[in-house]
Amino acid sequence: MSKVNDFLSAAGVFFLATCDGDQPKVRPLGAHMEMDGKVLFGVGDFKDVYKQLAVNPKTEIVAAKPDGHWMRYTGKAVFETDPKYAEAMLDGMPHLRSIYNEETGHKMMVFHIEDATAVDIAVMGEGENLL
């Protein structure tokens, strides 16, 4: 999992794909961390991305690094129930506490990807399995 997390860190921004009915939806994300042997991602409980993953957990993340490598990370989103993950995510990105707090009522929902594949692909090369 460290290879996936390191790739995401090097890319900075990555893109998460979901489905809204039969319409694909893609959006940029940046919130991720590695904890307990998992790469974790954070989304707001009030956002469509959370609602879409709750209905259909199949997802794919794509990230690209400046060196021309890109990663495809595919699987099923599984939301964490232990609040320690949301707290750790907010500790790592304290600026998000202005959005996710008791006053706003918004909650950070944290998930990891199971049944996953992750491939690092050079622009003109072979893919390398990262898991």
N, C-alpha and C. Protein backbone atom coordinates (compact mmCIF):
# COMPACT_ATOMS: atom_id res chain seq x y z
N MET A 1 0.82 -1.19 0.00
CA MET A 1 0.00 0.00 0.00
C MET A 1 0.86 1.26 0.00
N SER A 2 2.06 1.14 0.53
CA SER A 2 2.94 2.32 0.55
C SER A 2 3.25 2.82 -0.85
N LYS A 3 3.38 1.93 -1.81
CA LYS A 3 3.66 2.37 -3.18
C LYS A 3 2.49 3.19 -3.73
N VAL A 4 1.27 2.78 -3.43
CA VAL A 4 0.09 3.53 -3.88
C VAL A 4 0.05 4.88 -3.20
N ASN A 5 0.24 4.91 -1.88
CA ASN A 5 0.22 6.16 -1.14
C ASN A 5 1.32 7.11 -1.61
N ASP A 6 2.51 6.58 -1.82
CA ASP A 6 3.63 7.41 -2.31
C ASP A 6 3.33 7.98 -3.69
N PHE A 7 2.71 7.19 -4.55
CA PHE A 7 2.37 7.67 -5.88
C PHE A 7 1.37 8.82 -5.77
N LEU A 8 0.35 8.65 -4.96
CA LEU A 8 -0.65 9.71 -4.77
C LEU A 8 -0.03 10.98 -4.21
N SER A 9 0.90 10.83 -3.29
CA SER A 9 1.58 12.00 -2.71
C SER A 9 2.40 12.72 -3.77
N ALA A 10 3.08 11.97 -4.61
CA ALA A 10 3.89 12.58 -5.67
C ALA A 10 3.01 13.28 -6.71
N ALA A 11 1.82 12.73 -6.95
CA ALA A 11 0.91 13.33 -7.93
C ALA A 11 0.26 14.59 -7.38
N GLY A 12 -0.01 14.62 -6.08
CA GLY A 12 -0.68 15.77 -5.47
C GLY A 12 -2.19 15.67 -5.62
N VAL A 13 -2.68 15.95 -6.79
CA VAL A 13 -4.11 15.84 -7.08
C VAL A 13 -4.32 14.57 -7.89
N PHE A 14 -5.41 13.87 -7.59
CA PHE A 14 -5.77 12.67 -8.33
C PHE A 14 -7.27 12.75 -8.62
N PHE A 15 -7.75 11.85 -9.45
CA PHE A 15 -9.13 11.90 -9.89
C PHE A 15 -9.86 10.62 -9.51
N LEU A 16 -11.04 10.78 -8.91
CA LEU A 16 -11.87 9.67 -8.45
C LEU A 16 -13.09 9.57 -9.35
N ALA A 17 -13.36 8.38 -9.86
CA ALA A 17 -14.52 8.15 -10.71
C ALA A 17 -15.59 7.39 -9.94
N THR A 18 -16.84 7.83 -10.11
CA THR A 18 -18.01 7.17 -9.54
C THR A 18 -19.07 7.10 -10.64
N CYS A 19 -20.21 6.53 -10.29
CA CYS A 19 -21.36 6.52 -11.20
C CYS A 19 -22.54 7.18 -10.51
N ASP A 20 -23.25 8.00 -11.26
CA ASP A 20 -24.50 8.60 -10.81
C ASP A 20 -25.57 8.06 -11.73
N GLY A 21 -26.18 6.94 -11.32
CA GLY A 21 -27.06 6.21 -12.23
C GLY A 21 -26.22 5.60 -13.32
N ASP A 22 -26.50 5.99 -14.57
CA ASP A 22 -25.69 5.48 -15.68
C ASP A 22 -24.70 6.52 -16.19
N GLN A 23 -24.54 7.61 -15.45
CA GLN A 23 -23.63 8.69 -15.85
C GLN A 23 -22.33 8.64 -15.04
N PRO A 24 -21.19 8.44 -15.69
CA PRO A 24 -19.91 8.51 -14.96
C PRO A 24 -19.68 9.93 -14.44
N LYS A 25 -19.07 10.02 -13.27
CA LYS A 25 -18.69 11.30 -12.67
C LYS A 25 -17.23 11.19 -12.23
N VAL A 26 -16.46 12.21 -12.54
CA VAL A 26 -15.04 12.24 -12.16
C VAL A 26 -14.77 13.57 -11.48
N ARG A 27 -14.03 13.52 -10.38
CA ARG A 27 -13.69 14.77 -9.69
C ARG A 27 -12.29 14.67 -9.11
N PRO A 28 -11.64 15.85 -8.96
CA PRO A 28 -10.31 15.87 -8.36
C PRO A 28 -10.41 15.75 -6.84
N LEU A 29 -9.47 15.02 -6.27
CA LEU A 29 -9.36 14.89 -4.82
C LEU A 29 -7.89 15.04 -4.43
N GLY A 30 -7.66 15.24 -3.17
CA GLY A 30 -6.31 15.30 -2.67
C GLY A 30 -6.16 14.65 -1.30
N ALA A 31 -7.29 14.46 -0.58
CA ALA A 31 -7.24 13.93 0.79
C ALA A 31 -7.00 12.43 0.78
N HIS A 32 -5.83 12.05 1.27
CA HIS A 32 -5.50 10.63 1.41
C HIS A 32 -4.42 10.49 2.47
N MET A 33 -4.31 9.29 3.01
CA MET A 33 -3.26 8.98 4.00
C MET A 33 -3.14 7.47 4.08
N GLU A 34 -2.04 7.03 4.64
CA GLU A 34 -1.83 5.60 4.87
C GLU A 34 -1.90 5.35 6.37
N MET A 35 -2.71 4.37 6.75
CA MET A 35 -2.87 4.05 8.17
C MET A 35 -3.36 2.61 8.29
N ASP A 36 -2.82 1.88 9.23
CA ASP A 36 -3.24 0.50 9.49
C ASP A 36 -3.17 -0.37 8.23
N GLY A 37 -2.17 -0.13 7.41
CA GLY A 37 -1.98 -0.95 6.21
C GLY A 37 -2.96 -0.65 5.08
N LYS A 38 -3.65 0.49 5.15
CA LYS A 38 -4.61 0.86 4.12
C LYS A 38 -4.30 2.26 3.62
N VAL A 39 -4.61 2.53 2.36
CA VAL A 39 -4.62 3.89 1.86
C VAL A 39 -6.06 4.38 2.02
N LEU A 40 -6.20 5.48 2.73
CA LEU A 40 -7.52 6.01 3.08
C LEU A 40 -7.78 7.32 2.35
N PHE A 41 -9.04 7.54 2.01
CA PHE A 41 -9.47 8.74 1.30
C PHE A 41 -10.60 9.38 2.08
N GLY A 42 -10.70 10.70 1.99
CA GLY A 42 -11.75 11.41 2.70
C GLY A 42 -12.65 12.19 1.77
N VAL A 43 -13.96 12.08 2.01
CA VAL A 43 -14.97 12.86 1.29
C VAL A 43 -16.02 13.32 2.29
N GLY A 44 -16.74 14.36 1.94
CA GLY A 44 -17.77 14.89 2.81
C GLY A 44 -19.07 14.11 2.73
N ASP A 45 -19.73 13.94 3.87
CA ASP A 45 -21.01 13.21 3.90
C ASP A 45 -22.12 13.96 3.17
N PHE A 46 -21.93 15.23 2.92
CA PHE A 46 -22.93 16.05 2.25
C PHE A 46 -22.71 16.14 0.75
N LYS A 47 -21.65 15.53 0.26
CA LYS A 47 -21.30 15.64 -1.16
C LYS A 47 -21.85 14.47 -1.98
N ASP A 48 -22.08 14.76 -3.26
CA ASP A 48 -22.59 13.73 -4.17
C ASP A 48 -21.65 12.53 -4.26
N VAL A 49 -20.35 12.76 -4.19
CA VAL A 49 -19.40 11.65 -4.30
C VAL A 49 -19.66 10.60 -3.21
N TYR A 50 -19.94 11.05 -1.99
CA TYR A 50 -20.25 10.11 -0.91
C TYR A 50 -21.53 9.35 -1.22
N LYS A 51 -22.55 10.06 -1.64
CA LYS A 51 -23.84 9.44 -1.94
C LYS A 51 -23.71 8.43 -3.08
N GLN A 52 -22.91 8.77 -4.09
CA GLN A 52 -22.71 7.86 -5.22
C GLN A 52 -21.97 6.60 -4.80
N LEU A 53 -20.92 6.75 -3.98
CA LEU A 53 -20.18 5.58 -3.52
C LEU A 53 -21.02 4.71 -2.59
N ALA A 54 -21.93 5.32 -1.83
CA ALA A 54 -22.80 4.55 -0.95
C ALA A 54 -23.75 3.67 -1.76
N VAL A 55 -24.20 4.16 -2.91
CA VAL A 55 -25.11 3.40 -3.77
C VAL A 55 -24.36 2.37 -4.60
N ASN A 56 -23.23 2.78 -5.17
CA ASN A 56 -22.42 1.90 -6.01
C ASN A 56 -20.96 2.10 -5.62
N PRO A 57 -20.41 1.19 -4.82
CA PRO A 57 -19.05 1.39 -4.31
C PRO A 57 -17.93 1.14 -5.32
N LYS A 58 -18.25 0.69 -6.52
CA LYS A 58 -17.20 0.48 -7.52
C LYS A 58 -16.62 1.83 -7.90
N THR A 59 -15.29 1.91 -7.87
CA THR A 59 -14.63 3.18 -8.13
C THR A 59 -13.29 2.96 -8.77
N GLU A 60 -12.74 4.05 -9.29
CA GLU A 60 -11.40 4.03 -9.85
C GLU A 60 -10.75 5.37 -9.58
N ILE A 61 -9.49 5.33 -9.21
CA ILE A 61 -8.69 6.53 -9.00
C ILE A 61 -7.59 6.54 -10.04
N VAL A 62 -7.38 7.69 -10.65
CA VAL A 62 -6.29 7.86 -11.60
C VAL A 62 -5.46 9.05 -11.14
N ALA A 63 -4.15 8.86 -11.14
CA ALA A 63 -3.22 9.92 -10.75
C ALA A 63 -2.07 9.94 -11.76
N ALA A 64 -1.52 11.13 -11.99
CA ALA A 64 -0.39 11.28 -12.90
C ALA A 64 0.71 12.06 -12.20
N LYS A 65 1.94 11.58 -12.34
CA LYS A 65 3.11 12.27 -11.79
C LYS A 65 3.78 13.09 -12.89
N PRO A 66 4.55 14.09 -12.49
CA PRO A 66 5.24 14.92 -13.49
C PRO A 66 6.20 14.15 -14.39
N ASP A 67 6.68 12.98 -13.93
CA ASP A 67 7.63 12.22 -14.75
C ASP A 67 6.97 11.41 -15.87
N GLY A 68 5.65 11.57 -16.03
CA GLY A 68 4.95 10.88 -17.10
C GLY A 68 4.32 9.56 -16.70
N HIS A 69 4.57 9.09 -15.48
CA HIS A 69 3.93 7.87 -15.01
C HIS A 69 2.52 8.20 -14.54
N TRP A 70 1.62 7.26 -14.75
CA TRP A 70 0.28 7.43 -14.22
C TRP A 70 -0.16 6.12 -13.58
N MET A 71 -1.09 6.24 -12.64
CA MET A 71 -1.56 5.08 -11.89
C MET A 71 -3.06 4.94 -12.03
N ARG A 72 -3.48 3.71 -12.17
CA ARG A 72 -4.90 3.36 -12.15
C ARG A 72 -5.11 2.45 -10.93
N TYR A 73 -5.97 2.89 -9.99
CA TYR A 73 -6.24 2.17 -8.74
C TYR A 73 -7.73 1.89 -8.72
N THR A 74 -8.09 0.62 -8.86
CA THR A 74 -9.48 0.23 -9.09
C THR A 74 -9.95 -0.76 -8.03
N GLY A 75 -11.20 -0.62 -7.61
CA GLY A 75 -11.77 -1.57 -6.66
C GLY A 75 -13.10 -1.09 -6.12
N LYS A 76 -13.37 -1.49 -4.88
CA LYS A 76 -14.64 -1.21 -4.22
C LYS A 76 -14.39 -0.35 -2.98
N ALA A 77 -15.08 0.78 -2.88
CA ALA A 77 -14.95 1.66 -1.72
C ALA A 77 -15.64 1.05 -0.52
N VAL A 78 -14.92 0.99 0.60
CA VAL A 78 -15.47 0.50 1.86
C VAL A 78 -15.26 1.60 2.89
N PHE A 79 -16.36 2.11 3.44
CA PHE A 79 -16.28 3.20 4.41
C PHE A 79 -15.92 2.68 5.79
N GLU A 80 -15.04 3.40 6.45
CA GLU A 80 -14.58 3.06 7.79
C GLU A 80 -15.63 3.50 8.81
N THR A 81 -15.84 2.69 9.85
CA THR A 81 -16.80 3.06 10.89
C THR A 81 -16.11 3.62 12.13
N ASP A 82 -14.83 3.35 12.28
CA ASP A 82 -14.09 3.86 13.45
C ASP A 82 -13.76 5.34 13.24
N PRO A 83 -14.21 6.21 14.15
CA PRO A 83 -13.96 7.64 13.99
C PRO A 83 -12.48 8.04 14.05
N LYS A 84 -11.60 7.13 14.47
CA LYS A 84 -10.17 7.44 14.53
C LYS A 84 -9.63 7.80 13.14
N TYR A 85 -10.22 7.23 12.09
CA TYR A 85 -9.73 7.49 10.73
C TYR A 85 -10.07 8.92 10.30
N ALA A 86 -11.28 9.36 10.57
CA ALA A 86 -11.66 10.74 10.22
C ALA A 86 -10.83 11.72 11.04
N GLU A 87 -10.60 11.42 12.30
CA GLU A 87 -9.78 12.32 13.14
C GLU A 87 -8.35 12.39 12.62
N ALA A 88 -7.80 11.26 12.24
CA ALA A 88 -6.44 11.25 11.70
C ALA A 88 -6.36 12.03 10.38
N MET A 89 -7.38 11.88 9.54
CA MET A 89 -7.41 12.62 8.27
C MET A 89 -7.46 14.12 8.54
N LEU A 90 -8.28 14.53 9.49
CA LEU A 90 -8.39 15.95 9.82
C LEU A 90 -7.14 16.47 10.53
N ASP A 91 -6.49 15.62 11.32
CA ASP A 91 -5.22 16.02 11.94
C ASP A 91 -4.17 16.28 10.87
N GLY A 92 -4.18 15.46 9.82
CA GLY A 92 -3.22 15.61 8.74
C GLY A 92 -3.52 16.77 7.81
N MET A 93 -4.76 17.20 7.77
CA MET A 93 -5.18 18.31 6.91
C MET A 93 -6.05 19.25 7.75
N PRO A 94 -5.43 19.95 8.72
CA PRO A 94 -6.21 20.74 9.67
C PRO A 94 -7.07 21.84 9.05
N HIS A 95 -6.72 22.31 7.85
CA HIS A 95 -7.54 23.34 7.20
C HIS A 95 -8.95 22.82 6.90
N LEU A 96 -9.12 21.50 6.84
CA LEU A 96 -10.44 20.94 6.57
C LEU A 96 -11.37 20.99 7.77
N ARG A 97 -10.82 21.28 8.95
CA ARG A 97 -11.66 21.37 10.15
C ARG A 97 -12.66 22.53 10.07
N SER A 98 -12.38 23.51 9.21
CA SER A 98 -13.34 24.61 9.04
C SER A 98 -14.58 24.13 8.27
N ILE A 99 -14.47 23.02 7.57
CA ILE A 99 -15.60 22.45 6.83
C ILE A 99 -16.27 21.34 7.65
N TYR A 100 -15.46 20.49 8.26
CA TYR A 100 -15.96 19.32 8.97
C TYR A 100 -15.87 19.55 10.47
N ASN A 101 -16.99 19.97 11.06
CA ASN A 101 -17.03 20.25 12.49
C ASN A 101 -18.47 20.23 12.98
N GLU A 102 -18.66 20.36 14.28
CA GLU A 102 -20.00 20.33 14.85
C GLU A 102 -20.85 21.51 14.40
N GLU A 103 -20.23 22.65 14.21
CA GLU A 103 -20.98 23.84 13.81
C GLU A 103 -21.61 23.69 12.42
N THR A 104 -20.85 23.16 11.47
CA THR A 104 -21.38 22.97 10.11
C THR A 104 -22.25 21.72 10.03
N GLY A 105 -21.97 20.74 10.90
CA GLY A 105 -22.69 19.47 10.86
C GLY A 105 -22.16 18.51 9.80
N HIS A 106 -21.16 18.94 9.05
CA HIS A 106 -20.58 18.09 8.01
C HIS A 106 -19.59 17.11 8.63
N LYS A 107 -19.59 15.89 8.11
CA LYS A 107 -18.68 14.86 8.60
C LYS A 107 -17.76 14.41 7.48
N MET A 108 -16.52 14.16 7.86
CA MET A 108 -15.55 13.56 6.94
C MET A 108 -15.80 12.06 6.94
N MET A 109 -16.08 11.53 5.77
CA MET A 109 -16.29 10.10 5.61
C MET A 109 -15.03 9.52 4.98
N VAL A 110 -14.47 8.52 5.62
CA VAL A 110 -13.20 7.95 5.19
C VAL A 110 -13.43 6.55 4.65
N PHE A 111 -12.79 6.26 3.52
CA PHE A 111 -12.92 4.93 2.93
C PHE A 111 -11.57 4.44 2.42
N HIS A 112 -11.49 3.14 2.25
CA HIS A 112 -10.36 2.52 1.58
C HIS A 112 -10.92 1.69 0.42
N ILE A 113 -10.06 1.19 -0.40
CA ILE A 113 -10.50 0.41 -1.56
C ILE A 113 -10.10 -1.05 -1.37
N GLU A 114 -11.09 -1.92 -1.47
CA GLU A 114 -10.87 -3.36 -1.36
C GLU A 114 -11.01 -4.02 -2.73
N ASP A 115 -10.59 -5.29 -2.79
CA ASP A 115 -10.61 -6.05 -4.05
C ASP A 115 -9.95 -5.20 -5.13
N ALA A 116 -8.81 -4.63 -4.78
CA ALA A 116 -8.19 -3.60 -5.61
C ALA A 116 -7.08 -4.13 -6.51
N THR A 117 -6.90 -3.38 -7.58
CA THR A 117 -5.71 -3.50 -8.42
C THR A 117 -5.12 -2.10 -8.52
N ALA A 118 -3.82 -2.02 -8.64
CA ALA A 118 -3.14 -0.74 -8.80
C ALA A 118 -1.97 -0.96 -9.75
N VAL A 119 -1.94 -0.15 -10.79
CA VAL A 119 -0.90 -0.30 -11.80
C VAL A 119 -0.25 1.06 -12.06
N ASP A 120 1.08 1.08 -12.04
CA ASP A 120 1.89 2.25 -12.41
C ASP A 120 2.27 2.05 -13.87
N ILE A 121 1.88 3.00 -14.71
CA ILE A 121 2.09 2.85 -16.15
C ILE A 121 2.93 4.01 -16.67
N ALA A 122 4.03 3.69 -17.32
CA ALA A 122 4.83 4.72 -17.99
C ALA A 122 4.11 5.10 -19.28
N VAL A 123 4.31 6.33 -19.74
CA VAL A 123 3.61 6.80 -20.93
C VAL A 123 3.75 5.83 -22.09
N MET A 124 4.94 5.34 -22.33
CA MET A 124 5.17 4.42 -23.45
C MET A 124 5.80 3.12 -22.96
N GLY A 125 5.32 2.62 -21.82
CA GLY A 125 5.96 1.43 -21.29
C GLY A 125 4.97 0.42 -20.74
N GLU A 126 5.52 -0.57 -20.14
CA GLU A 126 4.75 -1.63 -19.50
C GLU A 126 4.23 -1.16 -18.15
N GLY A 127 3.13 -1.71 -17.71
CA GLY A 127 2.60 -1.40 -16.38
C GLY A 127 3.27 -2.22 -15.31
N GLU A 128 3.40 -1.65 -14.12
CA GLU A 128 3.97 -2.35 -12.96
C GLU A 128 2.89 -2.45 -11.91
N ASN A 129 2.64 -3.67 -11.44
CA ASN A 129 1.66 -3.89 -10.38
C ASN A 129 2.20 -3.30 -9.08
N LEU A 130 1.39 -2.48 -8.39
CA LEU A 130 1.83 -1.83 -7.16
C LEU A 130 1.34 -2.55 -5.90
N LEU A 131 0.48 -3.54 -6.04
CA LEU A 131 -0.03 -4.24 -4.85
C LEU A 131 0.55 -5.63 -4.74
